[in-house]
Amino acid sequence: MGVNLPWAQRIFRTTRHNLSKFPDGPFDGVVCLWTLMDIPDAEATLASVARVLRPEGWFVMC
């Protein structure tokens, strides 16, 4: 698209089931769009999100 976003070097689209394949803390941010209300075990999913975020990472839920 011609947009240069040096801070966004890698973007992954995944499901909550695939978070286990990532090591602890590789992501600067996680965005969750219109999904948390439909996840049977939201607490476990949020724990997985927290695990893959770096210590100063951000989480956006819409």
N, C-alpha and C. Protein backbone atom coordinates (compact mmCIF):
# COMPACT_ATOMS: atom_id res chain seq x y z
N MET A 1 0.81 -1.19 0.00
CA MET A 1 0.00 0.00 0.00
C MET A 1 0.85 1.26 0.00
N GLY A 2 2.15 1.14 0.06
CA GLY A 2 3.01 2.30 0.04
C GLY A 2 3.15 3.01 1.37
N VAL A 3 2.72 2.39 2.45
CA VAL A 3 2.83 3.00 3.77
C VAL A 3 4.07 2.45 4.45
N ASN A 4 4.94 3.32 4.90
CA ASN A 4 6.16 2.91 5.58
C ASN A 4 5.97 3.07 7.08
N LEU A 5 5.84 1.96 7.77
CA LEU A 5 5.68 1.96 9.22
C LEU A 5 6.84 1.22 9.85
N PRO A 6 7.97 1.91 10.09
CA PRO A 6 9.14 1.22 10.61
C PRO A 6 8.88 0.55 11.96
N TRP A 7 7.94 1.06 12.73
CA TRP A 7 7.65 0.48 14.04
C TRP A 7 6.79 -0.78 13.91
N ALA A 8 6.20 -1.00 12.75
CA ALA A 8 5.35 -2.18 12.55
C ALA A 8 6.03 -3.13 11.58
N GLN A 9 7.12 -3.70 12.00
CA GLN A 9 7.92 -4.55 11.13
C GLN A 9 7.25 -5.88 10.84
N ARG A 10 6.55 -6.42 11.82
CA ARG A 10 5.89 -7.71 11.63
C ARG A 10 4.49 -7.64 12.23
N ILE A 11 3.52 -8.05 11.46
CA ILE A 11 2.15 -8.11 11.94
C ILE A 11 1.66 -9.54 11.74
N PHE A 12 1.12 -10.13 12.80
CA PHE A 12 0.62 -11.49 12.74
C PHE A 12 -0.88 -11.48 13.00
N ARG A 13 -1.58 -12.30 12.27
CA ARG A 13 -3.00 -12.53 12.55
C ARG A 13 -3.10 -13.98 13.00
N THR A 14 -3.66 -14.17 14.18
CA THR A 14 -3.71 -15.52 14.74
C THR A 14 -4.98 -15.69 15.56
N THR A 15 -5.17 -16.87 16.09
CA THR A 15 -6.29 -17.15 16.98
C THR A 15 -5.74 -17.42 18.37
N ARG A 16 -6.63 -17.46 19.32
CA ARG A 16 -6.19 -17.71 20.70
C ARG A 16 -5.54 -19.08 20.83
N HIS A 17 -5.92 -20.01 19.96
CA HIS A 17 -5.35 -21.36 20.02
C HIS A 17 -3.89 -21.38 19.57
N ASN A 18 -3.50 -20.43 18.76
CA ASN A 18 -2.14 -20.41 18.23
C ASN A 18 -1.16 -19.60 19.06
N LEU A 19 -1.61 -18.94 20.12
CA LEU A 19 -0.70 -18.14 20.93
C LEU A 19 0.36 -18.99 21.60
N SER A 20 0.07 -20.25 21.83
CA SER A 20 1.03 -21.12 22.52
C SER A 20 2.29 -21.37 21.69
N LYS A 21 2.24 -21.13 20.39
CA LYS A 21 3.43 -21.36 19.56
C LYS A 21 4.46 -20.24 19.68
N PHE A 22 4.08 -19.13 20.31
CA PHE A 22 4.99 -18.00 20.46
C PHE A 22 5.69 -18.05 21.82
N PRO A 23 6.94 -17.61 21.88
CA PRO A 23 7.64 -17.56 23.17
C PRO A 23 7.08 -16.43 24.03
N ASP A 24 7.56 -16.32 25.24
CA ASP A 24 7.13 -15.24 26.13
C ASP A 24 7.67 -13.90 25.64
N GLY A 25 6.79 -12.92 25.54
CA GLY A 25 7.19 -11.54 25.29
C GLY A 25 7.67 -11.10 23.94
N PRO A 26 7.29 -11.70 22.81
CA PRO A 26 7.83 -11.22 21.54
C PRO A 26 7.06 -10.04 20.94
N PHE A 27 5.88 -9.71 21.48
CA PHE A 27 5.03 -8.71 20.83
C PHE A 27 5.00 -7.39 21.59
N ASP A 28 5.03 -6.30 20.82
CA ASP A 28 4.89 -4.96 21.38
C ASP A 28 3.43 -4.64 21.68
N GLY A 29 2.52 -5.24 20.94
CA GLY A 29 1.11 -4.96 21.13
C GLY A 29 0.22 -6.07 20.61
N VAL A 30 -0.98 -6.13 21.17
CA VAL A 30 -1.99 -7.09 20.74
C VAL A 30 -3.31 -6.33 20.62
N VAL A 31 -4.03 -6.59 19.53
CA VAL A 31 -5.34 -5.98 19.31
C VAL A 31 -6.38 -7.10 19.24
N CYS A 32 -7.44 -6.95 19.99
CA CYS A 32 -8.52 -7.93 20.02
C CYS A 32 -9.80 -7.21 19.58
N LEU A 33 -10.32 -7.59 18.42
CA LEU A 33 -11.49 -6.92 17.86
C LEU A 33 -12.73 -7.81 17.89
N TRP A 34 -13.72 -7.40 18.63
CA TRP A 34 -15.03 -8.04 18.64
C TRP A 34 -14.98 -9.56 18.85
N THR A 35 -14.10 -10.01 19.71
CA THR A 35 -13.99 -11.46 19.88
C THR A 35 -14.08 -11.91 21.33
N LEU A 36 -13.63 -11.12 22.25
CA LEU A 36 -13.51 -11.58 23.64
C LEU A 36 -14.85 -12.05 24.21
N MET A 37 -15.93 -11.42 23.80
CA MET A 37 -17.25 -11.80 24.33
C MET A 37 -17.68 -13.20 23.88
N ASP A 38 -17.07 -13.70 22.81
CA ASP A 38 -17.45 -15.01 22.28
C ASP A 38 -16.49 -16.13 22.68
N ILE A 39 -15.47 -15.81 23.45
CA ILE A 39 -14.48 -16.81 23.85
C ILE A 39 -14.95 -17.48 25.14
N PRO A 40 -15.07 -18.80 25.15
CA PRO A 40 -15.57 -19.51 26.33
C PRO A 40 -14.71 -19.28 27.58
N ASP A 41 -13.40 -19.25 27.43
CA ASP A 41 -12.51 -19.07 28.58
C ASP A 41 -11.71 -17.78 28.41
N ALA A 42 -12.38 -16.67 28.61
CA ALA A 42 -11.75 -15.36 28.40
C ALA A 42 -10.56 -15.15 29.34
N GLU A 43 -10.64 -15.65 30.56
CA GLU A 43 -9.55 -15.46 31.51
C GLU A 43 -8.26 -16.13 31.02
N ALA A 44 -8.36 -17.35 30.51
CA ALA A 44 -7.19 -18.05 29.99
C ALA A 44 -6.65 -17.35 28.75
N THR A 45 -7.54 -16.83 27.92
CA THR A 45 -7.11 -16.11 26.72
C THR A 45 -6.36 -14.85 27.09
N LEU A 46 -6.87 -14.09 28.07
CA LEU A 46 -6.18 -12.88 28.51
C LEU A 46 -4.82 -13.21 29.13
N ALA A 47 -4.73 -14.33 29.82
CA ALA A 47 -3.44 -14.76 30.38
C ALA A 47 -2.45 -15.07 29.26
N SER A 48 -2.92 -15.68 28.18
CA SER A 48 -2.05 -15.97 27.03
C SER A 48 -1.60 -14.69 26.36
N VAL A 49 -2.51 -13.74 26.24
CA VAL A 49 -2.15 -12.44 25.65
C VAL A 49 -1.09 -11.76 26.51
N ALA A 50 -1.28 -11.76 27.81
CA ALA A 50 -0.30 -11.14 28.71
C ALA A 50 1.06 -11.82 28.59
N ARG A 51 1.07 -13.11 28.40
CA ARG A 51 2.33 -13.84 28.30
C ARG A 51 3.12 -13.47 27.05
N VAL A 52 2.43 -13.26 25.92
CA VAL A 52 3.15 -12.97 24.68
C VAL A 52 3.52 -11.49 24.53
N LEU A 53 3.02 -10.64 25.42
CA LEU A 53 3.38 -9.22 25.37
C LEU A 53 4.71 -8.98 26.07
N ARG A 54 5.50 -8.08 25.52
CA ARG A 54 6.72 -7.67 26.22
C ARG A 54 6.32 -6.91 27.47
N PRO A 55 7.21 -6.70 28.43
CA PRO A 55 6.84 -6.05 29.69
C PRO A 55 6.16 -4.68 29.54
N GLU A 56 6.56 -3.89 28.57
CA GLU A 56 5.94 -2.58 28.37
C GLU A 56 4.92 -2.61 27.23
N GLY A 57 4.46 -3.79 26.84
CA GLY A 57 3.56 -3.94 25.70
C GLY A 57 2.17 -3.39 25.98
N TRP A 58 1.38 -3.23 24.92
CA TRP A 58 0.04 -2.69 25.05
C TRP A 58 -0.99 -3.67 24.50
N PHE A 59 -2.19 -3.61 25.07
CA PHE A 59 -3.29 -4.47 24.66
C PHE A 59 -4.49 -3.58 24.38
N VAL A 60 -5.06 -3.70 23.18
CA VAL A 60 -6.23 -2.92 22.78
C VAL A 60 -7.37 -3.88 22.54
N MET A 61 -8.51 -3.61 23.19
CA MET A 61 -9.68 -4.44 23.00
C MET A 61 -10.84 -3.55 22.60
N CYS A 62 -11.47 -3.87 21.49
CA CYS A 62 -12.61 -3.08 21.00
C CYS A 62 -13.85 -3.93 20.93
